[in-house]
């Protein structure tokens, strides 16, 4: 009989394609919800550019949104234990002011 490996119960294999592994930078998240789902739009705003683009959208059930919240709280706590407190600055104005001079051609 052939040697077959049985995966451990509760384990899954997750594939991370190279283009996804690079990640997408976002400096703004917009969260909205309905009675059945949460939508998180990750946006990148650039200095002196009046229009920002949604770079990624994640749609979650309310249950998964709550699990994500718990996972973020847990990870921030662990981060602060290892590296120290994350200092929250004042909430930036919207749209964000990057304090850079206006580009001129």
C-alpha atoms as a PDB file:
ATOM      1  CA  UNK A   1       0.000   0.000   0.000  1.00  0.00           C
ATOM      2  CA  UNK A   2       1.282   3.468  -0.904  1.00  0.00           C
ATOM      3  CA  UNK A   3       2.473   5.755   1.880  1.00  0.00           C
ATOM      4  CA  UNK A   4      -0.237   8.396   2.243  1.00  0.00           C
ATOM      5  CA  UNK A   5       0.097  11.391   4.498  1.00  0.00           C
ATOM      6  CA  UNK A   6      -3.043  12.373   6.320  1.00  0.00           C
ATOM      7  CA  UNK A   7      -3.137  16.092   7.127  1.00  0.00           C
ATOM      8  CA  UNK A   8      -3.510  16.938  10.791  1.00  0.00           C
ATOM      9  CA  UNK A   9      -7.088  17.707  11.641  1.00  0.00           C
ATOM     10  CA  UNK A  10      -7.635  21.458  11.945  1.00  0.00           C
ATOM     11  CA  UNK A  11      -4.739  22.350   9.625  1.00  0.00           C
ATOM     12  CA  UNK A  12      -5.115  23.934   6.224  1.00  0.00           C
ATOM     13  CA  UNK A  13      -2.570  24.762   3.566  1.00  0.00           C
ATOM     14  CA  UNK A  14      -2.661  28.402   2.520  1.00  0.00           C
ATOM     15  CA  UNK A  15      -1.062  29.451  -0.742  1.00  0.00           C
ATOM     16  CA  UNK A  16       0.345  32.987  -0.905  1.00  0.00           C
ATOM     17  CA  UNK A  17       1.003  34.006  -4.510  1.00  0.00           C
ATOM     18  CA  UNK A  18       4.023  36.253  -5.025  1.00  0.00           C
ATOM     19  CA  UNK A  19       2.011  39.237  -6.297  1.00  0.00           C
ATOM     20  CA  UNK A  20      -0.239  39.104  -3.210  1.00  0.00           C
ATOM     21  CA  UNK A  21       2.731  38.567  -0.857  1.00  0.00           C
ATOM     22  CA  UNK A  22       4.124  41.958  -1.902  1.00  0.00           C
ATOM     23  CA  UNK A  23       1.130  43.632  -0.256  1.00  0.00           C
ATOM     24  CA  UNK A  24      -0.649  46.874  -1.000  1.00  0.00           C
ATOM     25  CA  UNK A  25       0.188  50.052   0.914  1.00  0.00           C
ATOM     26  CA  UNK A  26      -2.806  51.886   2.344  1.00  0.00           C
ATOM     27  CA  UNK A  27      -2.956  54.957   4.566  1.00  0.00           C
ATOM     28  CA  UNK A  28      -6.730  55.150   4.870  1.00  0.00           C
ATOM     29  CA  UNK A  29      -9.456  52.590   5.455  1.00  0.00           C
ATOM     30  CA  UNK A  30     -13.135  53.302   4.918  1.00  0.00           C
ATOM     31  CA  UNK A  31     -15.502  50.900   6.649  1.00  0.00           C
ATOM     32  CA  UNK A  32     -19.196  50.537   5.877  1.00  0.00           C
ATOM     33  CA  UNK A  33     -21.743  47.877   6.695  1.00  0.00           C
ATOM     34  CA  UNK A  34     -25.188  46.526   5.969  1.00  0.00           C
ATOM     35  CA  UNK A  35     -27.211  44.055   7.974  1.00  0.00           C
ATOM     36  CA  UNK A  36     -25.337  41.168   6.305  1.00  0.00           C
ATOM     37  CA  UNK A  37     -21.774  42.324   5.634  1.00  0.00           C
ATOM     38  CA  UNK A  38     -18.940  44.701   6.422  1.00  0.00           C
ATOM     39  CA  UNK A  39     -16.996  46.300   3.581  1.00  0.00           C
ATOM     40  CA  UNK A  40     -13.485  47.626   4.177  1.00  0.00           C
ATOM     41  CA  UNK A  41     -11.970  49.734   1.408  1.00  0.00           C
ATOM     42  CA  UNK A  42      -8.219  50.272   1.685  1.00  0.00           C
ATOM     43  CA  UNK A  43      -7.230  53.580   0.075  1.00  0.00           C
ATOM     44  CA  UNK A  44      -3.905  55.141  -0.817  1.00  0.00           C
ATOM     45  CA  UNK A  45      -3.789  58.937  -0.625  1.00  0.00           C
ATOM     46  CA  UNK A  46      -0.808  60.734  -2.140  1.00  0.00           C
ATOM     47  CA  UNK A  47       0.471  64.270  -1.515  1.00  0.00           C
ATOM     48  CA  UNK A  48      -0.973  66.983  -3.757  1.00  0.00           C
ATOM     49  CA  UNK A  49      -3.224  64.516  -5.572  1.00  0.00           C
ATOM     50  CA  UNK A  50      -6.872  65.463  -5.074  1.00  0.00           C
ATOM     51  CA  UNK A  51      -8.219  62.018  -5.931  1.00  0.00           C
ATOM     52  CA  UNK A  52      -7.435  58.869  -3.958  1.00  0.00           C
ATOM     53  CA  UNK A  53      -7.885  55.334  -5.215  1.00  0.00           C
ATOM     54  CA  UNK A  54      -9.280  52.276  -3.505  1.00  0.00           C
ATOM     55  CA  UNK A  55      -6.481  49.730  -3.753  1.00  0.00           C
ATOM     56  CA  UNK A  56      -8.248  46.780  -2.163  1.00  0.00           C
ATOM     57  CA  UNK A  57     -11.711  45.882  -0.900  1.00  0.00           C
ATOM     58  CA  UNK A  58     -12.464  43.208   1.675  1.00  0.00           C
ATOM     59  CA  UNK A  59     -16.039  42.027   2.285  1.00  0.00           C
ATOM     60  CA  UNK A  60     -16.746  40.179   5.546  1.00  0.00           C
ATOM     61  CA  UNK A  61     -19.715  38.707   7.335  1.00  0.00           C
ATOM     62  CA  UNK A  62     -20.481  40.416  10.674  1.00  0.00           C
ATOM     63  CA  UNK A  63     -19.109  37.366  12.504  1.00  0.00           C
ATOM     64  CA  UNK A  64     -15.825  37.488  10.597  1.00  0.00           C
ATOM     65  CA  UNK A  65     -15.595  41.260  11.105  1.00  0.00           C
ATOM     66  CA  UNK A  66     -15.844  40.703  14.857  1.00  0.00           C
ATOM     67  CA  UNK A  67     -13.189  37.974  14.691  1.00  0.00           C
ATOM     68  CA  UNK A  68     -10.937  40.334  12.717  1.00  0.00           C
ATOM     69  CA  UNK A  69     -11.441  43.029  15.364  1.00  0.00           C
ATOM     70  CA  UNK A  70     -10.449  40.570  18.089  1.00  0.00           C
ATOM     71  CA  UNK A  71      -7.394  39.416  16.143  1.00  0.00           C
ATOM     72  CA  UNK A  72      -6.276  43.031  15.599  1.00  0.00           C
ATOM     73  CA  UNK A  73      -6.722  43.856  19.296  1.00  0.00           C
ATOM     74  CA  UNK A  74      -4.704  40.764  20.248  1.00  0.00           C
ATOM     75  CA  UNK A  75      -1.936  41.543  17.755  1.00  0.00           C
ATOM     76  CA  UNK A  76      -1.667  45.207  18.795  1.00  0.00           C
ATOM     77  CA  UNK A  77      -1.404  44.088  22.440  1.00  0.00           C
ATOM     78  CA  UNK A  78       1.377  41.619  21.567  1.00  0.00           C
ATOM     79  CA  UNK A  79       3.172  44.240  19.448  1.00  0.00           C
ATOM     80  CA  UNK A  80       3.099  46.762  22.301  1.00  0.00           C
ATOM     81  CA  UNK A  81       4.380  44.167  24.764  1.00  0.00           C
ATOM     82  CA  UNK A  82       7.349  43.515  22.493  1.00  0.00           C
ATOM     83  CA  UNK A  83       8.089  46.973  21.088  1.00  0.00           C
ATOM     84  CA  UNK A  84       6.408  49.455  23.430  1.00  0.00           C
ATOM     85  CA  UNK A  85       3.288  51.546  23.249  1.00  0.00           C
ATOM     86  CA  UNK A  86       2.016  52.756  19.888  1.00  0.00           C
ATOM     87  CA  UNK A  87       1.552  56.493  20.251  1.00  0.00           C
ATOM     88  CA  UNK A  88      -1.621  57.781  18.632  1.00  0.00           C
ATOM     89  CA  UNK A  89      -1.255  61.231  17.178  1.00  0.00           C
ATOM     90  CA  UNK A  90      -4.208  63.496  16.579  1.00  0.00           C
ATOM     91  CA  UNK A  91      -6.546  62.258  13.890  1.00  0.00           C
ATOM     92  CA  UNK A  92      -5.407  63.851  10.628  1.00  0.00           C
ATOM     93  CA  UNK A  93      -7.833  66.159   8.840  1.00  0.00           C
ATOM     94  CA  UNK A  94      -9.710  64.753   5.904  1.00  0.00           C
ATOM     95  CA  UNK A  95      -8.496  65.042   3.264  1.00  0.00           C
ATOM     96  CA  UNK A  96      -5.041  64.470   4.721  1.00  0.00           C
ATOM     97  CA  UNK A  97      -2.557  67.312   4.606  1.00  0.00           C
ATOM     98  CA  UNK A  98       0.908  65.983   3.792  1.00  0.00           C
ATOM     99  CA  UNK A  99       2.518  69.415   4.392  1.00  0.00           C
ATOM    100  CA  UNK A 100       4.398  69.293   1.121  1.00  0.00           C
ATOM    101  CA  UNK A 101       4.743  72.110  -1.382  1.00  0.00           C
ATOM    102  CA  UNK A 102       2.477  72.022  -4.397  1.00  0.00           C
ATOM    103  CA  UNK A 103       4.232  70.407  -7.357  1.00  0.00           C
ATOM    104  CA  UNK A 104       5.006  72.709 -10.243  1.00  0.00           C
ATOM    105  CA  UNK A 105       6.087  71.815 -13.770  1.00  0.00           C
END
